[in-house]
Amino acid sequence: MNQNTFHPFVIGVAGGSGSGKSTVSQQVLASFGADMVSVVMQDDYYCDQTHLPPEVRRKQNYDHPQAFDWPLLIQHVQALRNGETIAMPEYDFTIDNRSTRTIPVKPAPVIVIEGLFALYDAQLREMMSLKIFVDTAPDVRFIRRMQRDIAERGRSMESIVNQYLETVRPMHKQFIEPTKRHADVILPHGANDPAVDVITTKVASVIGQLQLQRP
């Protein structure tokens, strides 16, 4: 990619936990392939907590903006826009910390940034060409979160409910829901097929235009 020719089309996909953000991102990726679309997962940019014992890590508020390594995330998005490959951290939710591995992410014509707070930071928003908020009913989000945390993260139902009441729900209302005002597109019923079709049609048009600009 020639960084002097064009910048990639950057899409931000935000929304509450269990809203369907990953469905939107993965459908865009599946529609165009890894050569055309790179996905940056904000979940992998939780702060490194190696200095904290496991019992302290588990008690952290992971639904607050301060839980994320914003400088690294912004640096990596800027690098991708400049045509550079990044080593995205890999977060391991079973240990509440980053793993020792990283994930190589190559630059592509379209970059998707997916996360709870994808639309929270002004510097990150300025790099986006399209800002999406996936708006899903709270009860649906909670059920999806509970099913995921039990199946994928080995959590107990009691711990999931406690976390939801103590941090997930209040932080959503305080920090995540307000970012909806920054969105160019709001998906009012989650990742529904017609809405995703509209988005993929827009991405197809952008990719076609970007390819025409390539030397």
Protein backbone atom coordinates (compact mmCIF):
# COMPACT_ATOMS: atom_id res chain seq x y z
CA MET A 1 0.00 0.00 0.00
CA ASN A 2 1.37 3.41 -0.94
CA GLN A 3 0.82 5.66 2.01
CA ASN A 4 1.17 8.76 -0.16
CA THR A 5 -1.66 7.70 -2.46
CA PHE A 6 -4.60 7.30 -0.07
CA HIS A 7 -5.63 6.52 3.45
CA PRO A 8 -7.83 3.48 4.07
CA PHE A 9 -11.52 3.76 4.87
CA VAL A 10 -11.81 3.43 8.66
CA ILE A 11 -15.07 2.20 10.20
CA GLY A 12 -15.83 2.43 13.91
CA VAL A 13 -18.33 -0.09 15.29
CA ALA A 14 -19.49 0.67 18.84
CA GLY A 15 -22.29 -0.52 21.11
CA GLY A 16 -22.94 -2.19 24.42
CA SER A 17 -21.68 -5.60 25.48
CA GLY A 18 -23.60 -8.25 23.53
CA SER A 19 -25.10 -5.75 21.10
CA GLY A 20 -23.87 -7.47 17.94
CA LYS A 21 -20.75 -5.43 17.16
CA SER A 22 -18.75 -8.55 16.29
CA THR A 23 -21.51 -9.74 13.95
CA VAL A 24 -21.29 -6.51 11.97
CA SER A 25 -17.48 -6.62 11.84
CA GLN A 26 -17.30 -10.28 10.91
CA GLN A 27 -19.90 -9.92 8.16
CA VAL A 28 -17.93 -7.07 6.62
CA LEU A 29 -14.77 -9.18 6.84
CA ALA A 30 -16.50 -12.25 5.40
CA SER A 31 -17.94 -10.23 2.51
CA PHE A 32 -14.60 -8.87 1.31
CA GLY A 33 -11.84 -11.02 2.81
CA ALA A 34 -8.74 -10.37 4.87
CA ASP A 35 -6.89 -8.75 1.94
CA MET A 36 -9.49 -6.01 1.80
CA VAL A 37 -10.50 -5.65 5.46
CA SER A 38 -8.47 -5.54 8.68
CA VAL A 39 -10.23 -5.69 12.06
CA VAL A 40 -8.86 -4.07 15.21
CA MET A 41 -10.52 -5.39 18.37
CA GLN A 42 -10.62 -2.88 21.20
CA ASP A 43 -11.09 -5.77 23.65
CA ASP A 44 -7.46 -6.70 23.01
CA TYR A 45 -6.34 -3.26 24.17
CA TYR A 46 -7.22 -3.63 27.81
CA CYS A 47 -4.32 -2.34 29.88
CA ASP A 48 -1.52 -4.75 30.77
CA GLN A 49 -2.11 -5.91 34.35
CA THR A 50 0.91 -8.11 34.89
CA HIS A 51 1.83 -6.06 37.94
CA LEU A 52 -1.43 -6.99 39.69
CA PRO A 53 -2.21 -10.31 41.41
CA PRO A 54 -5.06 -12.35 39.84
CA GLU A 55 -7.54 -11.63 42.64
CA VAL A 56 -7.07 -7.87 42.13
CA ARG A 57 -7.36 -8.11 38.34
CA ARG A 58 -10.72 -9.82 38.61
CA LYS A 59 -12.12 -6.91 40.64
CA GLN A 60 -11.18 -4.21 38.11
CA ASN A 61 -13.87 -2.23 36.29
CA TYR A 62 -13.50 -3.44 32.71
CA ASP A 63 -16.44 -1.35 31.49
CA HIS A 64 -14.79 2.01 32.20
CA PRO A 65 -12.87 3.92 29.50
CA GLN A 66 -9.79 4.01 31.73
CA ALA A 67 -9.50 0.22 31.48
CA PHE A 68 -8.09 0.58 27.97
CA ASP A 69 -4.62 1.41 26.64
CA TRP A 70 -5.70 4.35 24.47
CA PRO A 71 -2.22 5.53 23.43
CA LEU A 72 -1.36 2.09 22.02
CA LEU A 73 -4.70 1.72 20.26
CA ILE A 74 -4.43 5.14 18.61
CA GLN A 75 -0.79 4.50 17.68
CA HIS A 76 -1.73 1.21 16.02
CA VAL A 77 -4.63 2.68 14.05
CA GLN A 78 -2.38 5.50 12.84
CA ALA A 79 0.23 2.93 11.79
CA LEU A 80 -2.33 0.92 9.81
CA ARG A 81 -3.51 4.10 8.08
CA ASN A 82 0.11 4.74 7.12
CA GLY A 83 0.44 1.30 5.56
CA GLU A 84 2.33 -0.38 8.41
CA THR A 85 1.69 -3.83 9.91
CA ILE A 86 1.01 -3.83 13.66
CA ALA A 87 1.43 -6.41 16.43
CA MET A 88 -1.97 -6.21 18.10
CA PRO A 89 -1.94 -7.43 21.72
CA GLU A 90 -3.99 -10.50 22.56
CA TYR A 91 -6.08 -10.29 25.70
CA ASP A 92 -6.84 -13.46 27.66
CA PHE A 93 -10.10 -13.06 29.58
CA THR A 94 -9.52 -16.25 31.54
CA ILE A 95 -6.56 -14.61 33.34
CA ASP A 96 -7.76 -10.97 33.11
CA ASN A 97 -4.56 -9.93 31.41
CA ARG A 98 -2.76 -9.79 28.10
CA SER A 99 -1.32 -13.04 26.89
CA THR A 100 2.33 -13.32 25.83
CA ARG A 101 1.26 -13.52 22.18
CA THR A 102 0.48 -10.77 19.71
CA ILE A 103 -1.63 -10.83 16.56
CA PRO A 104 -0.15 -9.44 13.32
CA VAL A 105 -2.61 -7.14 11.57
CA LYS A 106 -1.74 -5.96 8.08
CA PRO A 107 -2.92 -2.70 6.52
CA ALA A 108 -5.89 -2.97 4.18
CA PRO A 109 -8.18 -0.69 2.15
CA VAL A 110 -10.79 -0.95 4.92
CA ILE A 111 -10.03 -0.96 8.65
CA VAL A 112 -12.76 -1.83 11.17
CA ILE A 113 -12.31 -0.73 14.79
CA GLU A 114 -14.73 -2.66 16.98
CA GLY A 115 -15.33 -2.10 20.67
CA LEU A 116 -17.48 -0.80 23.49
CA PHE A 117 -15.77 2.58 23.28
CA ALA A 118 -14.93 2.69 19.57
CA LEU A 119 -16.65 6.10 19.32
CA TYR A 120 -15.51 7.44 22.71
CA ASP A 121 -12.15 9.05 21.95
CA ALA A 122 -12.15 12.19 19.78
CA GLN A 123 -8.71 11.48 18.28
CA LEU A 124 -9.85 8.02 17.22
CA ARG A 125 -13.12 9.35 15.80
CA GLU A 126 -11.23 11.85 13.66
CA MET A 127 -9.58 8.96 11.82
CA MET A 128 -12.92 7.32 11.00
CA SER A 129 -14.79 7.67 7.72
CA LEU A 130 -17.91 5.89 9.00
CA LYS A 131 -19.09 5.64 12.61
CA ILE A 132 -21.64 2.95 13.51
CA PHE A 133 -23.48 2.36 16.79
CA VAL A 134 -25.17 -1.02 17.23
CA ASP A 135 -28.20 -0.36 19.44
CA THR A 136 -29.71 -3.51 20.99
CA ALA A 137 -32.24 -3.98 23.80
CA PRO A 138 -30.65 -4.37 27.27
CA ASP A 139 -32.24 -7.76 28.00
CA VAL A 140 -30.95 -9.19 24.72
CA ARG A 141 -27.46 -7.86 25.42
CA PHE A 142 -27.44 -9.33 28.93
CA ILE A 143 -28.51 -12.79 27.75
CA ARG A 144 -25.87 -12.82 25.02
CA ARG A 145 -23.20 -11.67 27.46
CA MET A 146 -24.15 -14.34 29.99
CA GLN A 147 -24.09 -17.12 27.37
CA ARG A 148 -20.71 -15.97 26.06
CA ASP A 149 -19.05 -15.57 29.46
CA ILE A 150 -20.17 -19.00 30.63
CA ALA A 151 -19.20 -20.79 27.41
CA GLU A 152 -16.00 -18.93 26.49
CA ARG A 153 -14.62 -17.44 29.68
CA GLY A 154 -15.49 -19.99 32.36
CA ARG A 155 -17.51 -17.53 34.42
CA SER A 156 -20.20 -18.45 36.94
CA MET A 157 -23.71 -17.08 36.55
CA GLU A 158 -23.46 -15.32 39.92
CA SER A 159 -20.28 -13.47 38.96
CA ILE A 160 -21.79 -12.42 35.61
CA VAL A 161 -24.93 -11.04 37.25
CA ASN A 162 -22.94 -9.21 39.93
CA GLN A 163 -20.62 -7.64 37.36
CA TYR A 164 -23.55 -6.62 35.19
CA LEU A 165 -25.31 -4.85 38.06
CA GLU A 166 -22.19 -3.26 39.55
CA THR A 167 -20.33 -2.06 36.45
CA VAL A 168 -21.70 -3.16 33.05
CA ARG A 169 -25.13 -1.52 33.28
CA PRO A 170 -24.10 1.75 35.00
CA MET A 171 -21.03 2.20 32.78
CA HIS A 172 -23.14 1.61 29.68
CA LYS A 173 -25.52 4.37 30.71
CA GLN A 174 -22.74 6.76 31.72
CA PHE A 175 -20.15 6.24 28.97
CA ILE A 176 -21.28 3.99 26.11
CA GLU A 177 -24.87 5.08 25.41
CA PRO A 178 -23.85 8.77 25.06
CA THR A 179 -21.38 7.93 22.24
CA LYS A 180 -24.40 7.15 20.07
CA ARG A 181 -24.59 10.86 19.28
CA HIS A 182 -21.30 10.59 17.38
CA ALA A 183 -22.58 7.85 15.08
CA ASP A 184 -23.25 8.38 11.39
CA VAL A 185 -25.38 5.22 11.36
CA ILE A 186 -27.38 3.69 14.23
CA LEU A 187 -28.55 0.10 13.87
CA PRO A 188 -31.73 0.23 16.01
CA HIS A 189 -32.35 -3.51 16.17
CA GLY A 190 -28.81 -4.81 16.43
CA ALA A 191 -26.96 -6.42 13.55
CA ASN A 192 -30.04 -7.00 11.40
CA ASP A 193 -29.53 -8.23 7.83
CA PRO A 194 -30.91 -5.19 5.95
CA ALA A 195 -28.70 -2.79 7.92
CA VAL A 196 -25.60 -4.92 7.41
CA ASP A 197 -26.42 -5.16 3.68
CA VAL A 198 -26.46 -1.37 3.45
CA ILE A 199 -23.08 -1.18 5.19
CA THR A 200 -21.47 -3.83 2.99
CA THR A 201 -22.81 -2.07 -0.12
CA LYS A 202 -21.13 1.15 1.07
CA VAL A 203 -17.89 -0.72 1.78
CA ALA A 204 -17.96 -2.31 -1.68
CA SER A 205 -18.28 1.14 -3.24
CA VAL A 206 -15.39 2.47 -1.15
CA ILE A 207 -13.14 -0.46 -2.02
CA GLY A 208 -13.86 0.07 -5.70
CA GLN A 209 -12.93 3.75 -5.43
CA LEU A 210 -9.76 3.05 -3.45
CA GLN A 211 -8.61 0.42 -5.94
CA LEU A 212 -8.96 2.97 -8.74
CA GLN A 213 -6.56 5.24 -6.83
CA ARG A 214 -3.88 2.58 -6.43
CA PRO A 215 -0.83 3.01 -8.67
